[in-house]
Amino acid sequence: MSNLLVAAFEYLVNNFDGFLTLLREHVVLVLVAQVAAIIVAVTAGVLATRNDRIKTWVLSGGNVSQTIPPLAVIALVFPFVGIGFNSALVAMWVYALLPIITNTIAGIEEVEESTIRSAEGMGMTEREILWDIQLPLAVPVIFAGIRTSTVMNVGTAYLAIFIGAGGLGDWVVTGIQLFNNPQILAGAIPGAILAISLDTVLGAVERTLDTQTATAAEA
């Protein structure tokens, strides 16, 4: 096993320029998909807490998006957006929605009723309560969903190679086709490190947000 890891490291070093290109493609896919997912999912989650019918539709749509395999989404959308970055982006965006939607709804609905009633007693409007109280208190929960979604999408981005969008999956799939285990590991291990690193960083931010929210609530 150690010899295989050494061979994988040597392959990466010998093809470092190509690795940087694939890593950049991978990271860009993840970041763009996540930003788009955050914008849509948080908005949908907020709307869902305002109306039960909307909530039913939003959660149903989120559950469907999670159950459809990313490759199936790619197959459905590439006739409309073409082969390459856009198809992979749509698939990753769809797959990233549910954790953020559910956590947005949960975070807002977990705000204590007494807190809302106090705000209403102070003359705050429903919109002011949402923006000044519910959303700030829900931020740690929402961020936990973003963290989960981001780590999941690091893995999903490996499928981008099947639609010609590049990423670290290029080395993994090519390595499998050529029975080149060092190439497979050279593509797989950086992705695992990237996922762990993002999870660690986002986890630290989440804990900071938890502390800040708890302090604000006590104040």
N, C-alpha and C. Protein backbone atom coordinates (compact mmCIF):
# COMPACT_ATOMS: atom_id res chain seq x y z
N MET A 1 0.83 -1.21 0.00
CA MET A 1 0.00 0.00 0.00
C MET A 1 0.86 1.26 0.00
N SER A 2 1.93 1.23 0.80
CA SER A 2 2.81 2.40 0.86
C SER A 2 3.47 2.66 -0.49
N ASN A 3 3.84 1.58 -1.20
CA ASN A 3 4.43 1.75 -2.53
C ASN A 3 3.43 2.37 -3.50
N LEU A 4 2.17 2.02 -3.34
CA LEU A 4 1.13 2.57 -4.20
C LEU A 4 0.94 4.06 -3.92
N LEU A 5 1.00 4.44 -2.65
CA LEU A 5 0.87 5.86 -2.30
C LEU A 5 2.06 6.66 -2.82
N VAL A 6 3.25 6.06 -2.74
CA VAL A 6 4.43 6.73 -3.28
C VAL A 6 4.29 6.91 -4.79
N ALA A 7 3.82 5.86 -5.46
CA ALA A 7 3.63 5.94 -6.91
C ALA A 7 2.59 7.00 -7.27
N ALA A 8 1.54 7.11 -6.45
CA ALA A 8 0.51 8.13 -6.69
C ALA A 8 1.10 9.53 -6.51
N PHE A 9 1.92 9.69 -5.49
CA PHE A 9 2.56 11.00 -5.24
C PHE A 9 3.49 11.36 -6.40
N GLU A 10 4.24 10.37 -6.87
CA GLU A 10 5.14 10.62 -8.00
C GLU A 10 4.36 10.98 -9.25
N TYR A 11 3.23 10.32 -9.46
CA TYR A 11 2.40 10.65 -10.63
C TYR A 11 1.91 12.08 -10.54
N LEU A 12 1.48 12.48 -9.34
CA LEU A 12 0.99 13.84 -9.15
C LEU A 12 2.09 14.86 -9.41
N VAL A 13 3.28 14.60 -8.87
CA VAL A 13 4.41 15.52 -9.05
C VAL A 13 4.80 15.64 -10.51
N ASN A 14 4.83 14.50 -11.19
CA ASN A 14 5.24 14.49 -12.60
C ASN A 14 4.20 15.14 -13.52
N ASN A 15 2.96 15.24 -13.02
CA ASN A 15 1.89 15.84 -13.83
C ASN A 15 1.24 17.01 -13.07
N PHE A 16 2.09 17.78 -12.40
CA PHE A 16 1.59 18.78 -11.46
C PHE A 16 0.80 19.89 -12.16
N ASP A 17 1.25 20.30 -13.34
CA ASP A 17 0.52 21.35 -14.06
C ASP A 17 -0.89 20.89 -14.41
N GLY A 18 -0.98 19.65 -14.88
CA GLY A 18 -2.30 19.10 -15.18
C GLY A 18 -3.15 18.98 -13.93
N PHE A 19 -2.52 18.61 -12.82
CA PHE A 19 -3.24 18.50 -11.55
C PHE A 19 -3.83 19.84 -11.13
N LEU A 20 -3.04 20.91 -11.24
CA LEU A 20 -3.52 22.24 -10.87
C LEU A 20 -4.72 22.65 -11.72
N THR A 21 -4.68 22.31 -13.00
CA THR A 21 -5.80 22.62 -13.88
C THR A 21 -7.06 21.88 -13.45
N LEU A 22 -6.92 20.57 -13.18
CA LEU A 22 -8.07 19.77 -12.76
C LEU A 22 -8.60 20.23 -11.40
N LEU A 23 -7.69 20.56 -10.48
CA LEU A 23 -8.10 21.02 -9.16
C LEU A 23 -8.87 22.34 -9.26
N ARG A 24 -8.37 23.23 -10.11
CA ARG A 24 -9.05 24.52 -10.29
C ARG A 24 -10.46 24.30 -10.85
N GLU A 25 -10.58 23.42 -11.84
CA GLU A 25 -11.89 23.13 -12.42
C GLU A 25 -12.84 22.56 -11.36
N HIS A 26 -12.30 21.68 -10.53
CA HIS A 26 -13.08 21.03 -9.48
C HIS A 26 -13.59 22.06 -8.47
N VAL A 27 -12.68 22.91 -8.01
CA VAL A 27 -13.02 23.90 -6.99
C VAL A 27 -14.02 24.92 -7.54
N VAL A 28 -13.81 25.36 -8.78
CA VAL A 28 -14.73 26.34 -9.38
C VAL A 28 -16.13 25.75 -9.49
N LEU A 29 -16.23 24.51 -9.92
CA LEU A 29 -17.53 23.86 -10.01
C LEU A 29 -18.24 23.84 -8.65
N VAL A 30 -17.50 23.44 -7.62
CA VAL A 30 -18.08 23.35 -6.28
C VAL A 30 -18.53 24.73 -5.80
N LEU A 31 -17.67 25.72 -5.93
CA LEU A 31 -17.98 27.05 -5.40
C LEU A 31 -19.16 27.69 -6.13
N VAL A 32 -19.16 27.62 -7.46
CA VAL A 32 -20.26 28.24 -8.22
C VAL A 32 -21.58 27.53 -7.92
N ALA A 33 -21.55 26.20 -7.87
CA ALA A 33 -22.78 25.45 -7.58
C ALA A 33 -23.29 25.78 -6.18
N GLN A 34 -22.37 25.92 -5.22
CA GLN A 34 -22.78 26.21 -3.85
C GLN A 34 -23.37 27.60 -3.72
N VAL A 35 -22.75 28.58 -4.34
CA VAL A 35 -23.28 29.95 -4.26
C VAL A 35 -24.69 29.99 -4.85
N ALA A 36 -24.88 29.37 -6.01
CA ALA A 36 -26.20 29.34 -6.63
C ALA A 36 -27.20 28.60 -5.75
N ALA A 37 -26.78 27.50 -5.14
CA ALA A 37 -27.67 26.71 -4.28
C ALA A 37 -28.05 27.50 -3.03
N ILE A 38 -27.09 28.21 -2.46
CA ILE A 38 -27.37 28.99 -1.25
C ILE A 38 -28.43 30.06 -1.54
N ILE A 39 -28.25 30.77 -2.64
CA ILE A 39 -29.19 31.85 -2.99
C ILE A 39 -30.60 31.30 -3.16
N VAL A 40 -30.73 30.21 -3.92
CA VAL A 40 -32.06 29.66 -4.21
C VAL A 40 -32.64 28.95 -2.98
N ALA A 41 -31.82 28.14 -2.30
CA ALA A 41 -32.33 27.31 -1.20
C ALA A 41 -32.72 28.16 0.01
N VAL A 42 -31.93 29.16 0.35
CA VAL A 42 -32.28 30.01 1.49
C VAL A 42 -33.55 30.80 1.19
N THR A 43 -33.65 31.31 -0.02
CA THR A 43 -34.86 32.03 -0.42
C THR A 43 -36.08 31.12 -0.35
N ALA A 44 -35.94 29.91 -0.89
CA ALA A 44 -37.05 28.95 -0.87
C ALA A 44 -37.40 28.56 0.57
N GLY A 45 -36.39 28.38 1.40
CA GLY A 45 -36.63 28.03 2.79
C GLY A 45 -37.37 29.11 3.54
N VAL A 46 -36.98 30.35 3.31
CA VAL A 46 -37.67 31.48 3.95
C VAL A 46 -39.13 31.54 3.51
N LEU A 47 -39.36 31.41 2.20
CA LEU A 47 -40.73 31.43 1.69
C LEU A 47 -41.56 30.28 2.26
N ALA A 48 -40.91 29.14 2.45
CA ALA A 48 -41.62 27.98 2.98
C ALA A 48 -42.12 28.20 4.40
N THR A 49 -41.39 29.00 5.16
CA THR A 49 -41.83 29.27 6.54
C THR A 49 -42.97 30.28 6.59
N ARG A 50 -43.25 30.92 5.47
CA ARG A 50 -44.34 31.92 5.44
C ARG A 50 -45.67 31.31 5.03
N ASN A 51 -45.63 30.11 4.38
CA ASN A 51 -46.85 29.54 3.84
C ASN A 51 -46.73 28.02 3.82
N ASP A 52 -47.72 27.32 4.40
CA ASP A 52 -47.66 25.86 4.50
C ASP A 52 -47.70 25.19 3.14
N ARG A 53 -48.47 25.76 2.21
CA ARG A 53 -48.54 25.16 0.87
C ARG A 53 -47.20 25.27 0.17
N ILE A 54 -46.59 26.45 0.27
CA ILE A 54 -45.26 26.62 -0.33
C ILE A 54 -44.26 25.68 0.33
N LYS A 55 -44.37 25.51 1.64
CA LYS A 55 -43.47 24.60 2.36
C LYS A 55 -43.57 23.18 1.83
N THR A 56 -44.79 22.73 1.57
CA THR A 56 -44.99 21.38 1.04
C THR A 56 -44.31 21.23 -0.33
N TRP A 57 -44.51 22.22 -1.19
CA TRP A 57 -43.92 22.17 -2.52
C TRP A 57 -42.40 22.25 -2.45
N VAL A 58 -41.89 23.12 -1.60
CA VAL A 58 -40.44 23.30 -1.50
C VAL A 58 -39.76 22.03 -0.98
N LEU A 59 -40.32 21.45 0.07
CA LEU A 59 -39.72 20.23 0.62
C LEU A 59 -39.84 19.06 -0.34
N SER A 60 -40.97 18.99 -1.04
CA SER A 60 -41.13 17.92 -2.04
C SER A 60 -40.10 18.07 -3.16
N GLY A 61 -39.95 19.32 -3.63
CA GLY A 61 -38.95 19.56 -4.68
C GLY A 61 -37.54 19.26 -4.20
N GLY A 62 -37.24 19.63 -2.96
CA GLY A 62 -35.92 19.34 -2.41
C GLY A 62 -35.65 17.86 -2.29
N ASN A 63 -36.66 17.12 -1.84
CA ASN A 63 -36.50 15.66 -1.71
C ASN A 63 -36.31 15.00 -3.07
N VAL A 64 -37.05 15.47 -4.06
CA VAL A 64 -36.89 14.92 -5.42
C VAL A 64 -35.48 15.22 -5.94
N SER A 65 -35.01 16.44 -5.70
CA SER A 65 -33.68 16.81 -6.19
C SER A 65 -32.59 15.94 -5.57
N GLN A 66 -32.83 15.47 -4.34
CA GLN A 66 -31.83 14.65 -3.66
C GLN A 66 -31.86 13.20 -4.13
N THR A 67 -33.03 12.75 -4.57
CA THR A 67 -33.16 11.34 -4.96
C THR A 67 -32.76 11.08 -6.41
N ILE A 68 -32.79 12.11 -7.25
CA ILE A 68 -32.39 11.92 -8.64
C ILE A 68 -30.87 11.87 -8.73
N PRO A 69 -30.28 10.81 -9.26
CA PRO A 69 -28.82 10.74 -9.38
C PRO A 69 -28.28 11.90 -10.24
N PRO A 70 -27.13 12.45 -9.85
CA PRO A 70 -26.56 13.56 -10.63
C PRO A 70 -26.37 13.24 -12.10
N LEU A 71 -26.00 11.99 -12.42
CA LEU A 71 -25.82 11.62 -13.82
C LEU A 71 -27.14 11.70 -14.59
N ALA A 72 -28.24 11.37 -13.89
CA ALA A 72 -29.54 11.47 -14.54
C ALA A 72 -29.90 12.93 -14.81
N VAL A 73 -29.54 13.81 -13.86
CA VAL A 73 -29.79 15.24 -14.07
C VAL A 73 -28.98 15.73 -15.26
N ILE A 74 -27.73 15.30 -15.35
CA ILE A 74 -26.88 15.69 -16.47
C ILE A 74 -27.51 15.24 -17.79
N ALA A 75 -28.01 14.00 -17.81
CA ALA A 75 -28.62 13.48 -19.03
C ALA A 75 -29.86 14.28 -19.43
N LEU A 76 -30.58 14.79 -18.43
CA LEU A 76 -31.80 15.53 -18.71
C LEU A 76 -31.52 16.95 -19.19
N VAL A 77 -30.46 17.56 -18.66
CA VAL A 77 -30.25 18.99 -18.95
C VAL A 77 -29.30 19.26 -20.11
N PHE A 78 -28.42 18.28 -20.46
CA PHE A 78 -27.42 18.62 -21.47
C PHE A 78 -28.00 18.92 -22.86
N PRO A 79 -29.20 18.38 -23.22
CA PRO A 79 -29.77 18.80 -24.51
C PRO A 79 -30.12 20.30 -24.53
N PHE A 80 -30.32 20.88 -23.36
CA PHE A 80 -30.72 22.29 -23.29
C PHE A 80 -29.53 23.22 -23.05
N VAL A 81 -28.56 22.78 -22.25
CA VAL A 81 -27.44 23.68 -21.91
C VAL A 81 -26.12 23.22 -22.52
N GLY A 82 -26.13 22.06 -23.17
CA GLY A 82 -24.93 21.60 -23.83
C GLY A 82 -24.02 20.78 -22.94
N ILE A 83 -23.00 20.21 -23.56
CA ILE A 83 -22.01 19.41 -22.83
C ILE A 83 -20.97 20.34 -22.23
N GLY A 84 -20.54 20.00 -21.01
CA GLY A 84 -19.48 20.79 -20.39
C GLY A 84 -19.87 21.35 -19.05
N PHE A 85 -19.30 22.51 -18.73
CA PHE A 85 -19.41 23.12 -17.41
C PHE A 85 -20.86 23.33 -16.99
N ASN A 86 -21.68 23.85 -17.87
CA ASN A 86 -23.05 24.22 -17.49
C ASN A 86 -23.88 23.01 -17.06
N SER A 87 -23.75 21.90 -17.77
CA SER A 87 -24.51 20.70 -17.40
C SER A 87 -24.09 20.18 -16.03
N ALA A 88 -22.79 20.13 -15.81
CA ALA A 88 -22.29 19.67 -14.52
C ALA A 88 -22.74 20.61 -13.41
N LEU A 89 -22.71 21.90 -13.69
CA LEU A 89 -23.11 22.89 -12.69
C LEU A 89 -24.57 22.72 -12.29
N VAL A 90 -25.45 22.50 -13.26
CA VAL A 90 -26.87 22.32 -12.96
C VAL A 90 -27.07 21.08 -12.10
N ALA A 91 -26.39 19.99 -12.44
CA ALA A 91 -26.53 18.75 -11.66
C ALA A 91 -26.07 18.95 -10.23
N MET A 92 -24.95 19.61 -10.04
CA MET A 92 -24.43 19.85 -8.69
C MET A 92 -25.32 20.81 -7.92
N TRP A 93 -25.84 21.81 -8.61
CA TRP A 93 -26.74 22.78 -7.97
C TRP A 93 -27.99 22.07 -7.45
N VAL A 94 -28.58 21.23 -8.28
CA VAL A 94 -29.78 20.49 -7.89
C VAL A 94 -29.50 19.63 -6.67
N TYR A 95 -28.35 18.96 -6.69
CA TYR A 95 -28.00 18.02 -5.61
C TYR A 95 -27.69 18.75 -4.30
N ALA A 96 -27.34 20.03 -4.38
CA ALA A 96 -26.93 20.78 -3.19
C ALA A 96 -28.09 21.44 -2.47
N LEU A 97 -29.28 21.44 -3.04
CA LEU A 97 -30.38 22.23 -2.51
C LEU A 97 -30.94 21.74 -1.18
N LEU A 98 -31.23 20.44 -1.07
CA LEU A 98 -32.01 19.93 0.05
C LEU A 98 -31.43 20.23 1.43
N PRO A 99 -30.15 19.96 1.70
CA PRO A 99 -29.64 20.25 3.05
C PRO A 99 -29.80 21.71 3.46
N ILE A 100 -29.62 22.61 2.51
CA ILE A 100 -29.74 24.04 2.83
C ILE A 100 -31.20 24.41 3.04
N ILE A 101 -32.09 23.88 2.22
CA ILE A 101 -33.52 24.17 2.37
C ILE A 101 -34.02 23.70 3.73
N THR A 102 -33.75 22.44 4.06
CA THR A 102 -34.27 21.88 5.32
C THR A 102 -33.69 22.60 6.53
N ASN A 103 -32.43 22.96 6.47
CA ASN A 103 -31.83 23.65 7.61
C ASN A 103 -32.32 25.09 7.73
N THR A 104 -32.60 25.73 6.59
CA THR A 104 -33.16 27.08 6.64
C THR A 104 -34.53 27.06 7.30
N ILE A 105 -35.36 26.12 6.90
CA ILE A 105 -36.71 26.00 7.50
C ILE A 105 -36.60 25.69 8.99
N ALA A 106 -35.73 24.71 9.31
CA ALA A 106 -35.58 24.31 10.72
C ALA A 106 -35.06 25.46 11.57
N GLY A 107 -34.07 26.18 11.04
CA GLY A 107 -33.46 27.27 11.81
C GLY A 107 -34.45 28.37 12.12
N ILE A 108 -35.27 28.73 11.14
CA ILE A 108 -36.25 29.79 11.34
C ILE A 108 -37.37 29.33 12.28
N GLU A 109 -37.83 28.09 12.08
CA GLU A 109 -38.94 27.60 12.90
C GLU A 109 -38.53 27.28 14.33
N GLU A 110 -37.22 27.12 14.58
CA GLU A 110 -36.76 26.82 15.93
C GLU A 110 -36.65 28.06 16.81
N VAL A 111 -36.79 29.24 16.23
CA VAL A 111 -36.76 30.46 17.04
C VAL A 111 -37.95 30.42 18.00
N GLU A 112 -37.70 30.64 19.27
CA GLU A 112 -38.73 30.51 20.28
C GLU A 112 -39.90 31.47 20.03
N GLU A 113 -41.09 30.95 20.25
CA GLU A 113 -42.29 31.75 20.04
C GLU A 113 -42.32 32.97 20.96
N SER A 114 -41.77 32.81 22.18
CA SER A 114 -41.76 33.93 23.11
C SER A 114 -40.92 35.09 22.58
N THR A 115 -39.85 34.76 21.86
CA THR A 115 -39.00 35.80 21.27
C THR A 115 -39.76 36.57 20.21
N ILE A 116 -40.52 35.84 19.39
CA ILE A 116 -41.31 36.47 18.34
C ILE A 116 -42.41 37.33 18.93
N ARG A 117 -43.06 36.80 19.96
CA ARG A 117 -44.13 37.56 20.60
C ARG A 117 -43.59 38.85 21.22
N SER A 118 -42.42 38.78 21.80
CA SER A 118 -41.81 39.98 22.39
C SER A 118 -41.53 41.02 21.31
N ALA A 119 -41.05 40.54 20.15
CA ALA A 119 -40.77 41.46 19.04
C ALA A 119 -42.06 42.10 18.53
N GLU A 120 -43.12 41.30 18.46
CA GLU A 120 -44.40 41.84 18.03
C GLU A 120 -44.91 42.88 19.02
N GLY A 121 -44.67 42.60 20.31
CA GLY A 121 -45.09 43.55 21.33
C GLY A 121 -44.34 44.87 21.25
N MET A 122 -43.13 44.83 20.66
CA MET A 122 -42.35 46.06 20.48
C MET A 122 -42.75 46.80 19.21
N GLY A 123 -43.72 46.25 18.49
CA GLY A 123 -44.21 46.91 17.28
C GLY A 123 -43.47 46.55 16.02
N MET A 124 -42.66 45.50 16.05
CA MET A 124 -41.93 45.09 14.86
C MET A 124 -42.87 44.41 13.87
N THR A 125 -42.66 44.67 12.59
CA THR A 125 -43.45 44.03 11.55
C THR A 125 -42.94 42.61 11.31
N GLU A 126 -43.73 41.84 10.57
CA GLU A 126 -43.32 40.47 10.26
C GLU A 126 -41.99 40.44 9.51
N ARG A 127 -41.83 41.38 8.59
CA ARG A 127 -40.58 41.45 7.83
C ARG A 127 -39.41 41.80 8.73
N GLU A 128 -39.61 42.73 9.63
CA GLU A 128 -38.53 43.12 10.55
C GLU A 128 -38.17 41.96 11.48
N ILE A 129 -39.17 41.22 11.91
CA ILE A 129 -38.90 40.05 12.77
C ILE A 129 -38.06 39.02 12.01
N LEU A 130 -38.41 38.80 10.74
CA LEU A 130 -37.66 37.85 9.92
C LEU A 130 -36.20 38.27 9.78
N TRP A 131 -35.97 39.52 9.37
CA TRP A 131 -34.62 39.98 9.06
C TRP A 131 -33.77 40.28 10.30
N ASP A 132 -34.42 40.77 11.35
CA ASP A 132 -33.66 41.21 12.52
C ASP A 132 -33.57 40.17 13.63
N ILE A 133 -34.47 39.18 13.60
CA ILE A 133 -34.48 38.21 14.70
C ILE A 133 -34.35 36.77 14.19
N GLN A 134 -35.30 36.34 13.35
CA GLN A 134 -35.32 34.93 12.96
C GLN A 134 -34.10 34.51 12.14
N LEU A 135 -33.80 35.27 11.09
CA LEU A 135 -32.65 34.88 10.26
C LEU A 135 -31.32 34.94 11.01
N PRO A 136 -31.04 36.01 11.78
CA PRO A 136 -29.78 36.01 12.54
C PRO A 136 -29.65 34.83 13.50
N LEU A 137 -30.77 34.48 14.17
CA LEU A 137 -30.72 33.35 15.09
C LEU A 137 -30.62 32.01 14.35
N ALA A 138 -31.11 31.98 13.11
CA ALA A 138 -31.10 30.74 12.33
C ALA A 138 -29.79 30.53 11.57
N VAL A 139 -28.93 31.55 11.52
CA VAL A 139 -27.70 31.47 10.71
C VAL A 139 -26.86 30.23 11.03
N PRO A 140 -26.60 29.88 12.30
CA PRO A 140 -25.78 28.68 12.55
C PRO A 140 -26.38 27.40 11.97
N VAL A 141 -27.71 27.26 12.08
CA VAL A 141 -28.37 26.06 11.53
C VAL A 141 -28.30 26.06 10.01
N ILE A 142 -28.55 27.23 9.41
CA ILE A 142 -28.45 27.34 7.96
C ILE A 142 -27.04 27.01 7.50
N PHE A 143 -26.05 27.51 8.22
CA PHE A 143 -24.66 27.28 7.83
C PHE A 143 -24.29 25.81 7.94
N ALA A 144 -24.89 25.11 8.90
CA ALA A 144 -24.65 23.66 9.01
C ALA A 144 -25.11 22.95 7.75
N GLY A 145 -26.25 23.39 7.20
CA GLY A 145 -26.73 22.82 5.94
C GLY A 145 -25.80 23.13 4.79
N ILE A 146 -25.28 24.36 4.76
CA ILE A 146 -24.33 24.75 3.72
C ILE A 146 -23.07 23.90 3.81
N ARG A 147 -22.62 23.66 5.04
CA ARG A 147 -21.42 22.83 5.26
C ARG A 147 -21.63 21.42 4.72
N THR A 148 -22.76 20.81 5.07
CA THR A 148 -23.06 19.46 4.59
C THR A 148 -23.14 19.42 3.07
N SER A 149 -23.84 20.39 2.51
CA SER A 149 -24.02 20.46 1.07
C SER A 149 -22.70 20.62 0.34
N THR A 150 -21.83 21.46 0.88
CA THR A 150 -20.54 21.71 0.23
C THR A 150 -19.68 20.45 0.18
N VAL A 151 -19.60 19.75 1.31
CA VAL A 151 -18.78 18.53 1.36
C VAL A 151 -19.34 17.48 0.41
N MET A 152 -20.67 17.36 0.35
CA MET A 152 -21.29 16.41 -0.58
C MET A 152 -20.92 16.74 -2.02
N ASN A 153 -20.90 18.02 -2.34
CA ASN A 153 -20.67 18.42 -3.73
C ASN A 153 -19.22 18.25 -4.16
N VAL A 154 -18.30 18.19 -3.22
CA VAL A 154 -16.92 17.88 -3.59
C VAL A 154 -16.86 16.50 -4.24
N GLY A 155 -17.63 15.57 -3.69
CA GLY A 155 -17.70 14.23 -4.28
C GLY A 155 -18.50 14.21 -5.57
N THR A 156 -19.60 14.94 -5.59
CA THR A 156 -20.44 14.97 -6.80
C THR A 156 -19.69 15.54 -7.99
N ALA A 157 -18.77 16.47 -7.74
CA ALA A 157 -18.02 17.12 -8.82
C ALA A 157 -17.16 16.12 -9.61
N TYR A 158 -16.88 14.96 -9.04
CA TYR A 158 -16.12 13.95 -9.77
C TYR A 158 -16.88 13.46 -11.00
N LEU A 159 -18.20 13.58 -10.98
CA LEU A 159 -19.00 13.13 -12.12
C LEU A 159 -18.94 14.09 -13.29
N ALA A 160 -18.36 15.27 -13.07
CA ALA A 160 -18.30 16.27 -14.14
C ALA A 160 -17.54 15.77 -15.35
N ILE A 161 -16.64 14.83 -15.16
CA ILE A 161 -15.84 14.33 -16.27
C ILE A 161 -16.71 13.64 -17.32
N PHE A 162 -17.86 13.07 -16.89
CA PHE A 162 -18.73 12.35 -17.83
C PHE A 162 -19.45 13.29 -18.78
N ILE A 163 -19.40 14.58 -18.50
CA ILE A 163 -20.05 15.56 -19.38
C ILE A 163 -19.02 16.54 -19.95
N GLY A 164 -17.75 16.19 -19.79
CA GLY A 164 -16.69 17.00 -20.36
C GLY A 164 -16.39 18.28 -19.63
N ALA A 165 -16.69 18.31 -18.29
CA ALA A 165 -16.47 19.53 -17.51
C ALA A 165 -15.19 19.50 -16.71
N GLY A 166 -14.40 18.45 -16.86
CA GLY A 166 -13.11 18.38 -16.18
C GLY A 166 -13.22 18.03 -14.71
N GLY A 167 -12.27 18.52 -13.93
CA GLY A 167 -12.24 18.20 -12.51
C GLY A 167 -11.37 16.99 -12.23
N LEU A 168 -11.19 16.69 -10.95
CA LEU A 168 -10.32 15.59 -10.54
C LEU A 168 -10.83 14.23 -10.99
N GLY A 169 -12.11 14.17 -11.35
CA GLY A 169 -12.65 12.91 -11.86
C GLY A 169 -11.98 12.46 -13.14
N ASP A 170 -11.33 13.40 -13.85
CA ASP A 170 -10.62 13.07 -15.09
C ASP A 170 -9.57 11.99 -14.81
N TRP A 171 -8.76 12.21 -13.79
CA TRP A 171 -7.72 11.24 -13.47
C TRP A 171 -8.31 9.94 -12.95
N VAL A 172 -9.36 10.02 -12.15
CA VAL A 172 -9.95 8.82 -11.57
C VAL A 172 -10.53 7.93 -12.67
N VAL A 173 -11.34 8.51 -13.55
CA VAL A 173 -11.98 7.72 -14.61
C VAL A 173 -10.95 7.20 -15.60
N THR A 174 -10.00 8.06 -15.99
CA THR A 174 -8.95 7.62 -16.92
C THR A 174 -8.11 6.52 -16.30
N GLY A 175 -7.81 6.67 -15.00
CA GLY A 175 -7.04 5.64 -14.30
C GLY A 175 -7.75 4.31 -14.25
N ILE A 176 -9.07 4.35 -14.06
CA ILE A 176 -9.84 3.11 -14.06
C ILE A 176 -9.81 2.45 -15.43
N GLN A 177 -9.96 3.26 -16.47
CA GLN A 177 -9.95 2.73 -17.83
C GLN A 177 -8.60 2.12 -18.20
N LEU A 178 -7.51 2.70 -17.67
CA LEU A 178 -6.16 2.23 -18.00
C LEU A 178 -5.60 1.29 -16.94
N PHE A 179 -6.40 0.97 -15.93
CA PHE A 179 -5.93 0.14 -14.81
C PHE A 179 -4.68 0.74 -14.18
N ASN A 180 -4.69 2.07 -14.07
CA ASN A 180 -3.55 2.81 -13.52
C ASN A 180 -3.91 3.26 -12.09
N ASN A 181 -3.58 2.41 -11.11
CA ASN A 181 -3.94 2.71 -9.72
C ASN A 181 -3.30 3.99 -9.18
N PRO A 182 -2.02 4.27 -9.48
CA PRO A 182 -1.44 5.54 -9.01
C PRO A 182 -2.20 6.75 -9.52
N GLN A 183 -2.65 6.71 -10.78
CA GLN A 183 -3.41 7.83 -11.33
C GLN A 183 -4.77 7.95 -10.62
N ILE A 184 -5.40 6.81 -10.33
CA ILE A 184 -6.67 6.84 -9.61
C ILE A 184 -6.50 7.52 -8.25
N LEU A 185 -5.49 7.10 -7.52
CA LEU A 185 -5.26 7.67 -6.18
C LEU A 185 -4.85 9.13 -6.26
N ALA A 186 -4.08 9.49 -7.29
CA ALA A 186 -3.65 10.88 -7.46
C ALA A 186 -4.84 11.80 -7.71
N GLY A 187 -5.92 11.24 -8.26
CA GLY A 187 -7.13 12.03 -8.46
C GLY A 187 -8.07 11.96 -7.27
N ALA A 188 -8.08 10.82 -6.57
CA ALA A 188 -9.05 10.62 -5.48
C ALA A 188 -8.60 11.25 -4.16
N ILE A 189 -7.32 11.10 -3.82
CA ILE A 189 -6.84 11.58 -2.52
C ILE A 189 -6.95 13.10 -2.38
N PRO A 190 -6.57 13.90 -3.39
CA PRO A 190 -6.74 15.36 -3.24
C PRO A 190 -8.20 15.75 -3.02
N GLY A 191 -9.13 15.03 -3.64
CA GLY A 191 -10.54 15.32 -3.41
C GLY A 191 -10.94 15.06 -1.98
N ALA A 192 -10.44 13.95 -1.43
CA ALA A 192 -10.74 13.64 -0.03
C ALA A 192 -10.14 14.70 0.90
N ILE A 193 -8.91 15.12 0.59
CA ILE A 193 -8.27 16.16 1.39
C ILE A 193 -9.04 17.48 1.29
N LEU A 194 -9.50 17.79 0.07
CA LEU A 194 -10.28 19.01 -0.14
C LEU A 194 -11.58 18.96 0.68
N ALA A 195 -12.26 17.82 0.66
CA ALA A 195 -13.52 17.68 1.42
C ALA A 195 -13.28 17.82 2.92
N ILE A 196 -12.22 17.17 3.41
CA ILE A 196 -11.91 17.25 4.84
C ILE A 196 -11.52 18.68 5.23
N SER A 197 -10.75 19.33 4.38
CA SER A 197 -10.32 20.70 4.66
C SER A 197 -11.50 21.66 4.71
N LEU A 198 -12.39 21.54 3.71
CA LEU A 198 -13.58 22.40 3.70
C LEU A 198 -14.47 22.13 4.91
N ASP A 199 -14.62 20.86 5.25
CA ASP A 199 -15.44 20.50 6.40
C ASP A 199 -14.84 21.08 7.69
N THR A 200 -13.52 21.04 7.81
CA THR A 200 -12.85 21.57 8.99
C THR A 200 -13.02 23.08 9.10
N VAL A 201 -12.78 23.76 7.99
CA VAL A 201 -12.89 25.22 7.98
C VAL A 201 -14.33 25.66 8.23
N LEU A 202 -15.27 25.05 7.51
CA LEU A 202 -16.67 25.42 7.68
C LEU A 202 -17.19 25.03 9.07
N GLY A 203 -16.65 23.95 9.62
CA GLY A 203 -17.02 23.56 10.98
C GLY A 203 -16.57 24.59 11.99
N ALA A 204 -15.37 25.14 11.80
CA ALA A 204 -14.87 26.18 12.69
C ALA A 204 -15.73 27.43 12.60
N VAL A 205 -16.11 27.80 11.38
CA VAL A 205 -17.00 28.96 11.19
C VAL A 205 -18.35 28.70 11.84
N GLU A 206 -18.85 27.49 11.69
CA GLU A 206 -20.14 27.14 12.29
C GLU A 206 -20.11 27.27 13.81
N ARG A 207 -19.02 26.78 14.43
CA ARG A 207 -18.90 26.89 15.89
C ARG A 207 -18.82 28.36 16.33
N THR A 208 -18.13 29.17 15.54
CA THR A 208 -18.05 30.60 15.84
C THR A 208 -19.42 31.25 15.77
N LEU A 209 -20.19 30.89 14.75
CA LEU A 209 -21.53 31.43 14.60
C LEU A 209 -22.43 30.98 15.75
N ASP A 210 -22.27 29.73 16.18
CA ASP A 210 -23.05 29.22 17.31
C ASP A 210 -22.77 30.05 18.56
N THR A 211 -21.48 30.31 18.79
CA THR A 211 -21.09 31.07 19.98
C THR A 211 -21.63 32.49 19.91
N GLN A 212 -21.51 33.12 18.75
CA GLN A 212 -21.98 34.50 18.60
C GLN A 212 -23.49 34.59 18.76
N THR A 213 -24.21 33.59 18.21
CA THR A 213 -25.68 33.58 18.33
C THR A 213 -26.11 33.37 19.77
N ALA A 214 -25.42 32.47 20.47
CA ALA A 214 -25.76 32.21 21.88
C ALA A 214 -25.51 33.46 22.73
N THR A 215 -24.40 34.15 22.44
CA THR A 215 -24.09 35.38 23.17
C THR A 215 -25.13 36.46 22.91
N ALA A 216 -25.53 36.59 21.64
CA ALA A 216 -26.53 37.59 21.28
C ALA A 216 -27.88 37.27 21.93
N ALA A 217 -28.22 35.99 21.99
CA ALA A 217 -29.48 35.60 22.58
C ALA A 217 -29.51 35.89 24.08
N GLU A 218 -28.39 35.65 24.74
CA GLU A 218 -28.30 35.93 26.17
C GLU A 218 -28.38 37.42 26.45
N ALA A 219 -27.80 38.22 25.53
CA ALA A 219 -27.81 39.67 25.70
C ALA A 219 -29.22 40.23 25.52
